C-alpha atoms as a PDB file:
ATOM      1  CA  UNK A   1       0.000   0.000   0.000  1.00  0.00           C
ATOM      2  CA  UNK A   2       1.185   3.515  -0.605  1.00  0.00           C
ATOM      3  CA  UNK A   3       0.096   6.626   1.201  1.00  0.00           C
ATOM      4  CA  UNK A   4      -0.352  10.155  -0.179  1.00  0.00           C
ATOM      5  CA  UNK A   5       3.393  10.892  -0.083  1.00  0.00           C
ATOM      6  CA  UNK A   6       4.108   7.968  -2.411  1.00  0.00           C
ATOM      7  CA  UNK A   7       6.045   5.843   0.087  1.00  0.00           C
ATOM      8  CA  UNK A   8       5.025   2.305   0.673  1.00  0.00           C
ATOM      9  CA  UNK A   9       3.299   1.555   3.926  1.00  0.00           C
ATOM     10  CA  UNK A  10       3.809  -1.832   5.544  1.00  0.00           C
ATOM     11  CA  UNK A  11       0.673  -3.819   6.153  1.00  0.00           C
ATOM     12  CA  UNK A  12       0.581  -5.303   9.627  1.00  0.00           C
ATOM     13  CA  UNK A  13      -0.054  -9.052   9.471  1.00  0.00           C
ATOM     14  CA  UNK A  14      -3.067 -10.264  11.376  1.00  0.00           C
ATOM     15  CA  UNK A  15      -2.443 -11.846  14.715  1.00  0.00           C
ATOM     16  CA  UNK A  16      -3.364 -15.465  15.299  1.00  0.00           C
ATOM     17  CA  UNK A  17      -6.637 -14.586  17.015  1.00  0.00           C
ATOM     18  CA  UNK A  18      -7.645 -12.055  14.364  1.00  0.00           C
ATOM     19  CA  UNK A  19      -7.182 -14.580  11.593  1.00  0.00           C
ATOM     20  CA  UNK A  20      -9.291 -17.165  13.417  1.00  0.00           C
ATOM     21  CA  UNK A  21     -12.177 -14.748  13.905  1.00  0.00           C
ATOM     22  CA  UNK A  22     -13.934 -13.880  10.618  1.00  0.00           C
ATOM     23  CA  UNK A  23     -15.409 -10.410  10.225  1.00  0.00           C
ATOM     24  CA  UNK A  24     -18.926 -11.726   9.695  1.00  0.00           C
ATOM     25  CA  UNK A  25     -18.955 -13.152  13.245  1.00  0.00           C
ATOM     26  CA  UNK A  26     -19.025  -9.726  14.843  1.00  0.00           C
ATOM     27  CA  UNK A  27     -22.188  -8.645  16.597  1.00  0.00           C
ATOM     28  CA  UNK A  28     -22.657  -5.696  14.207  1.00  0.00           C
ATOM     29  CA  UNK A  29     -24.412  -7.902  11.640  1.00  0.00           C
ATOM     30  CA  UNK A  30     -27.916  -9.124  12.116  1.00  0.00           C
ATOM     31  CA  UNK A  31     -28.698 -12.848  12.299  1.00  0.00           C
ATOM     32  CA  UNK A  32     -30.295 -13.042   8.853  1.00  0.00           C
ATOM     33  CA  UNK A  33     -27.214 -11.859   6.952  1.00  0.00           C
ATOM     34  CA  UNK A  34     -25.026 -14.127   9.051  1.00  0.00           C
ATOM     35  CA  UNK A  35     -27.180 -17.174   8.359  1.00  0.00           C
ATOM     36  CA  UNK A  36     -27.233 -16.357   4.656  1.00  0.00           C
ATOM     37  CA  UNK A  37     -23.437 -16.189   4.647  1.00  0.00           C
ATOM     38  CA  UNK A  38     -23.237 -19.515   6.427  1.00  0.00           C
ATOM     39  CA  UNK A  39     -25.752 -21.409   4.346  1.00  0.00           C
ATOM     40  CA  UNK A  40     -25.156 -20.558   0.718  1.00  0.00           C
ATOM     41  CA  UNK A  41     -26.763 -23.633  -0.784  1.00  0.00           C
ATOM     42  CA  UNK A  42     -25.437 -25.101  -3.981  1.00  0.00           C
ATOM     43  CA  UNK A  43     -28.135 -25.528  -6.635  1.00  0.00           C
ATOM     44  CA  UNK A  44     -30.286 -28.622  -6.225  1.00  0.00           C
ATOM     45  CA  UNK A  45     -28.820 -30.370  -9.274  1.00  0.00           C
ATOM     46  CA  UNK A  46     -25.589 -30.879  -7.302  1.00  0.00           C
ATOM     47  CA  UNK A  47     -27.412 -32.311  -4.285  1.00  0.00           C
ATOM     48  CA  UNK A  48     -29.040 -30.757  -1.226  1.00  0.00           C
ATOM     49  CA  UNK A  49     -26.388 -31.974   1.193  1.00  0.00           C
ATOM     50  CA  UNK A  50     -23.545 -29.887  -0.271  1.00  0.00           C
ATOM     51  CA  UNK A  51     -22.998 -26.575   1.500  1.00  0.00           C
ATOM     52  CA  UNK A  52     -20.459 -23.822   1.213  1.00  0.00           C
ATOM     53  CA  UNK A  53     -19.208 -22.888   4.641  1.00  0.00           C
ATOM     54  CA  UNK A  54     -17.396 -19.567   4.636  1.00  0.00           C
ATOM     55  CA  UNK A  55     -15.255 -20.299   7.677  1.00  0.00           C
ATOM     56  CA  UNK A  56     -13.483 -23.265   9.196  1.00  0.00           C
ATOM     57  CA  UNK A  57     -14.676 -22.250  12.675  1.00  0.00           C
ATOM     58  CA  UNK A  58     -18.344 -22.334  11.722  1.00  0.00           C
ATOM     59  CA  UNK A  59     -19.296 -24.034  14.972  1.00  0.00           C
ATOM     60  CA  UNK A  60     -19.234 -20.607  16.609  1.00  0.00           C
ATOM     61  CA  UNK A  61     -21.613 -19.400  13.928  1.00  0.00           C
ATOM     62  CA  UNK A  62     -23.967 -22.342  14.419  1.00  0.00           C
ATOM     63  CA  UNK A  63     -24.402 -21.355  18.067  1.00  0.00           C
ATOM     64  CA  UNK A  64     -25.590 -17.897  17.005  1.00  0.00           C
ATOM     65  CA  UNK A  65     -28.190 -18.939  14.424  1.00  0.00           C
ATOM     66  CA  UNK A  66     -31.705 -17.910  15.510  1.00  0.00           C
ATOM     67  CA  UNK A  67     -34.335 -20.604  15.975  1.00  0.00           C
ATOM     68  CA  UNK A  68     -36.471 -19.345  13.061  1.00  0.00           C
ATOM     69  CA  UNK A  69     -33.662 -20.021  10.613  1.00  0.00           C
ATOM     70  CA  UNK A  70     -33.005 -23.423  12.160  1.00  0.00           C
ATOM     71  CA  UNK A  71     -36.666 -24.356  11.798  1.00  0.00           C
ATOM     72  CA  UNK A  72     -36.796 -23.138   8.193  1.00  0.00           C
ATOM     73  CA  UNK A  73     -33.550 -24.785   7.077  1.00  0.00           C
ATOM     74  CA  UNK A  74     -33.227 -27.745   9.442  1.00  0.00           C
ATOM     75  CA  UNK A  75     -31.765 -30.032   6.781  1.00  0.00           C
ATOM     76  CA  UNK A  76     -29.091 -27.468   5.923  1.00  0.00           C
ATOM     77  CA  UNK A  77     -28.200 -26.962   9.596  1.00  0.00           C
ATOM     78  CA  UNK A  78     -27.908 -30.713  10.194  1.00  0.00           C
ATOM     79  CA  UNK A  79     -25.784 -31.161   7.077  1.00  0.00           C
ATOM     80  CA  UNK A  80     -23.524 -28.296   8.159  1.00  0.00           C
ATOM     81  CA  UNK A  81     -23.091 -29.756  11.637  1.00  0.00           C
ATOM     82  CA  UNK A  82     -22.254 -33.155  10.152  1.00  0.00           C
ATOM     83  CA  UNK A  83     -19.746 -31.573   7.778  1.00  0.00           C
ATOM     84  CA  UNK A  84     -18.168 -29.516  10.584  1.00  0.00           C
ATOM     85  CA  UNK A  85     -17.829 -32.583  12.751  1.00  0.00           C
ATOM     86  CA  UNK A  86     -15.878 -34.379  10.051  1.00  0.00           C
ATOM     87  CA  UNK A  87     -13.270 -31.722   9.178  1.00  0.00           C
ATOM     88  CA  UNK A  88     -10.057 -30.671  10.894  1.00  0.00           C
ATOM     89  CA  UNK A  89     -10.498 -27.737  13.309  1.00  0.00           C
ATOM     90  CA  UNK A  90      -7.198 -26.117  12.345  1.00  0.00           C
ATOM     91  CA  UNK A  91      -7.597 -22.813  10.489  1.00  0.00           C
ATOM     92  CA  UNK A  92      -7.628 -23.223   6.696  1.00  0.00           C
ATOM     93  CA  UNK A  93      -7.308 -27.040   6.907  1.00  0.00           C
ATOM     94  CA  UNK A  94     -10.126 -28.899   5.184  1.00  0.00           C
ATOM     95  CA  UNK A  95      -8.851 -32.444   5.796  1.00  0.00           C
ATOM     96  CA  UNK A  96     -11.643 -34.924   6.478  1.00  0.00           C
ATOM     97  CA  UNK A  97     -11.517 -36.448   9.964  1.00  0.00           C
ATOM     98  CA  UNK A  98     -14.457 -38.821   9.740  1.00  0.00           C
ATOM     99  CA  UNK A  99     -12.345 -41.999   9.888  1.00  0.00           C
ATOM    100  CA  UNK A 100      -9.030 -41.013  11.440  1.00  0.00           C
ATOM    101  CA  UNK A 101      -8.589 -38.070  13.761  1.00  0.00           C
ATOM    102  CA  UNK A 102      -6.960 -36.953  16.968  1.00  0.00           C
ATOM    103  CA  UNK A 103      -8.794 -35.158  19.778  1.00  0.00           C
ATOM    104  CA  UNK A 104      -6.821 -32.612  21.775  1.00  0.00           C
ATOM    105  CA  UNK A 105      -7.173 -33.191  25.513  1.00  0.00           C
ATOM    106  CA  UNK A 106      -6.521 -29.523  26.239  1.00  0.00           C
ATOM    107  CA  UNK A 107      -8.794 -27.626  23.840  1.00  0.00           C
ATOM    108  CA  UNK A 108     -11.240 -30.519  23.149  1.00  0.00           C
ATOM    109  CA  UNK A 109     -11.102 -30.022  19.374  1.00  0.00           C
ATOM    110  CA  UNK A 110     -10.679 -32.602  16.593  1.00  0.00           C
ATOM    111  CA  UNK A 111      -7.685 -32.413  14.262  1.00  0.00           C
ATOM    112  CA  UNK A 112      -6.157 -34.386  11.410  1.00  0.00           C
ATOM    113  CA  UNK A 113      -2.864 -36.117  12.166  1.00  0.00           C
ATOM    114  CA  UNK A 114      -0.908 -33.304  10.541  1.00  0.00           C
ATOM    115  CA  UNK A 115      -2.228 -30.779  13.103  1.00  0.00           C
ATOM    116  CA  UNK A 116      -2.842 -33.177  16.001  1.00  0.00           C
ATOM    117  CA  UNK A 117       0.190 -32.218  18.060  1.00  0.00           C
ATOM    118  CA  UNK A 118      -0.636 -29.508  20.618  1.00  0.00           C
ATOM    119  CA  UNK A 119       2.421 -27.491  19.610  1.00  0.00           C
ATOM    120  CA  UNK A 120       1.211 -27.385  16.004  1.00  0.00           C
ATOM    121  CA  UNK A 121      -2.386 -26.254  16.559  1.00  0.00           C
ATOM    122  CA  UNK A 122      -1.749 -23.738  19.330  1.00  0.00           C
ATOM    123  CA  UNK A 123      -1.878 -25.574  22.679  1.00  0.00           C
ATOM    124  CA  UNK A 124       1.919 -25.594  23.090  1.00  0.00           C
ATOM    125  CA  UNK A 125       1.937 -23.257  26.099  1.00  0.00           C
ATOM    126  CA  UNK A 126      -0.723 -25.294  27.879  1.00  0.00           C
ATOM    127  CA  UNK A 127       1.208 -28.530  27.297  1.00  0.00           C
ATOM    128  CA  UNK A 128       4.402 -26.934  28.586  1.00  0.00           C
ATOM    129  CA  UNK A 129       2.600 -25.734  31.721  1.00  0.00           C
ATOM    130  CA  UNK A 130       1.039 -29.154  32.295  1.00  0.00           C
ATOM    131  CA  UNK A 131       4.307 -31.054  31.830  1.00  0.00           C
ATOM    132  CA  UNK A 132       6.200 -28.609  34.042  1.00  0.00           C
ATOM    133  CA  UNK A 133       3.586 -29.076  36.780  1.00  0.00           C
ATOM    134  CA  UNK A 134       3.844 -32.879  36.518  1.00  0.00           C
ATOM    135  CA  UNK A 135       7.633 -32.702  36.660  1.00  0.00           C
ATOM    136  CA  UNK A 136       7.799 -30.324  39.628  1.00  0.00           C
ATOM    137  CA  UNK A 137       4.996 -32.012  41.590  1.00  0.00           C
ATOM    138  CA  UNK A 138       4.885 -35.682  40.569  1.00  0.00           C
ATOM    139  CA  UNK A 139       2.175 -37.954  41.923  1.00  0.00           C
ATOM    140  CA  UNK A 140       3.727 -40.241  44.568  1.00  0.00           C
ATOM    141  CA  UNK A 141       3.980 -43.934  43.701  1.00  0.00           C
ATOM    142  CA  UNK A 142       2.042 -44.820  46.850  1.00  0.00           C
ATOM    143  CA  UNK A 143      -0.918 -42.731  45.643  1.00  0.00           C
ATOM    144  CA  UNK A 144      -0.814 -44.340  42.203  1.00  0.00           C
ATOM    145  CA  UNK A 145      -0.870 -47.833  43.759  1.00  0.00           C
ATOM    146  CA  UNK A 146      -3.706 -46.853  46.075  1.00  0.00           C
ATOM    147  CA  UNK A 147      -5.765 -45.500  43.141  1.00  0.00           C
ATOM    148  CA  UNK A 148      -5.191 -48.729  41.193  1.00  0.00           C
ATOM    149  CA  UNK A 149      -6.321 -50.813  44.194  1.00  0.00           C
ATOM    150  CA  UNK A 150      -9.440 -48.665  44.583  1.00  0.00           C
ATOM    151  CA  UNK A 151     -10.268 -49.121  40.910  1.00  0.00           C
ATOM    152  CA  UNK A 152      -9.942 -52.913  41.182  1.00  0.00           C
ATOM    153  CA  UNK A 153     -12.089 -52.954  44.340  1.00  0.00           C
ATOM    154  CA  UNK A 154     -14.742 -50.844  42.598  1.00  0.00           C
ATOM    155  CA  UNK A 155     -14.807 -53.253  39.648  1.00  0.00           C
ATOM    156  CA  UNK A 156     -15.140 -56.273  41.997  1.00  0.00           C
ATOM    157  CA  UNK A 157     -18.005 -54.588  43.850  1.00  0.00           C
ATOM    158  CA  UNK A 158     -19.830 -53.791  40.592  1.00  0.00           C
ATOM    159  CA  UNK A 159     -19.423 -57.407  39.461  1.00  0.00           C
ATOM    160  CA  UNK A 160     -20.801 -58.687  42.790  1.00  0.00           C
ATOM    161  CA  UNK A 161     -23.785 -56.352  42.520  1.00  0.00           C
ATOM    162  CA  UNK A 162     -24.517 -57.602  39.006  1.00  0.00           C
ATOM    163  CA  UNK A 163     -24.304 -61.237  40.149  1.00  0.00           C
ATOM    164  CA  UNK A 164     -26.556 -60.597  43.147  1.00  0.00           C
ATOM    165  CA  UNK A 165     -29.052 -58.760  40.945  1.00  0.00           C
ATOM    166  CA  UNK A 166     -29.174 -61.694  38.525  1.00  0.00           C
ATOM    167  CA  UNK A 167     -29.630 -64.152  41.426  1.00  0.00           C
ATOM    168  CA  UNK A 168     -32.635 -62.176  42.698  1.00  0.00           C
ATOM    169  CA  UNK A 169     -34.520 -62.409  39.425  1.00  0.00           C
ATOM    170  CA  UNK A 170     -37.004 -65.281  39.417  1.00  0.00           C
ATOM    171  CA  UNK A 171     -36.303 -68.033  36.938  1.00  0.00           C
ATOM    172  CA  UNK A 172     -38.982 -68.467  34.266  1.00  0.00           C
ATOM    173  CA  UNK A 173     -41.253 -71.444  34.975  1.00  0.00           C
ATOM    174  CA  UNK A 174     -40.222 -74.478  33.025  1.00  0.00           C
ATOM    175  CA  UNK A 175     -42.779 -76.505  31.132  1.00  0.00           C
ATOM    176  CA  UNK A 176     -41.841 -80.123  31.794  1.00  0.00           C
ATOM    177  CA  UNK A 177     -44.075 -82.925  30.609  1.00  0.00           C
ATOM    178  CA  UNK A 178     -44.530 -86.017  32.731  1.00  0.00           C
END
């Protein structure tokens, strides 16, 4: 870009959070224009289940859709949710994750294997904090053994309860001929 004096002006690159947040998610727009941007249906000759989603983080947009639009275009909303659930949550990645995916334990999002590592998709600081905490304050071995024993005892108790419940049920009358 150049300003009035003819010198070139540097364009500031968008920060990570600005690039993840599309402009049409701001509260300035009304719900109708937002829903129209989200659900631009492809003509019927290509099939009703194909949608054009304008953003990879459309789940945030689905939360903001008014109930009237959902009732009018329920099939489109369901198709969009299904499509969102089967794509990588990393920005600008459209890899399908229906068969093979990796869930992040920190941010609870689904990623393809390329973006599955926390350091790759943006949870690197949280992982570092968590690992540092585990290293500085490790769980004592005695506590780990005790938790394992409690788990086994709980499983034995549940099995006993199931057996006792089955023993209480009356057996069906048998029809023996003499």
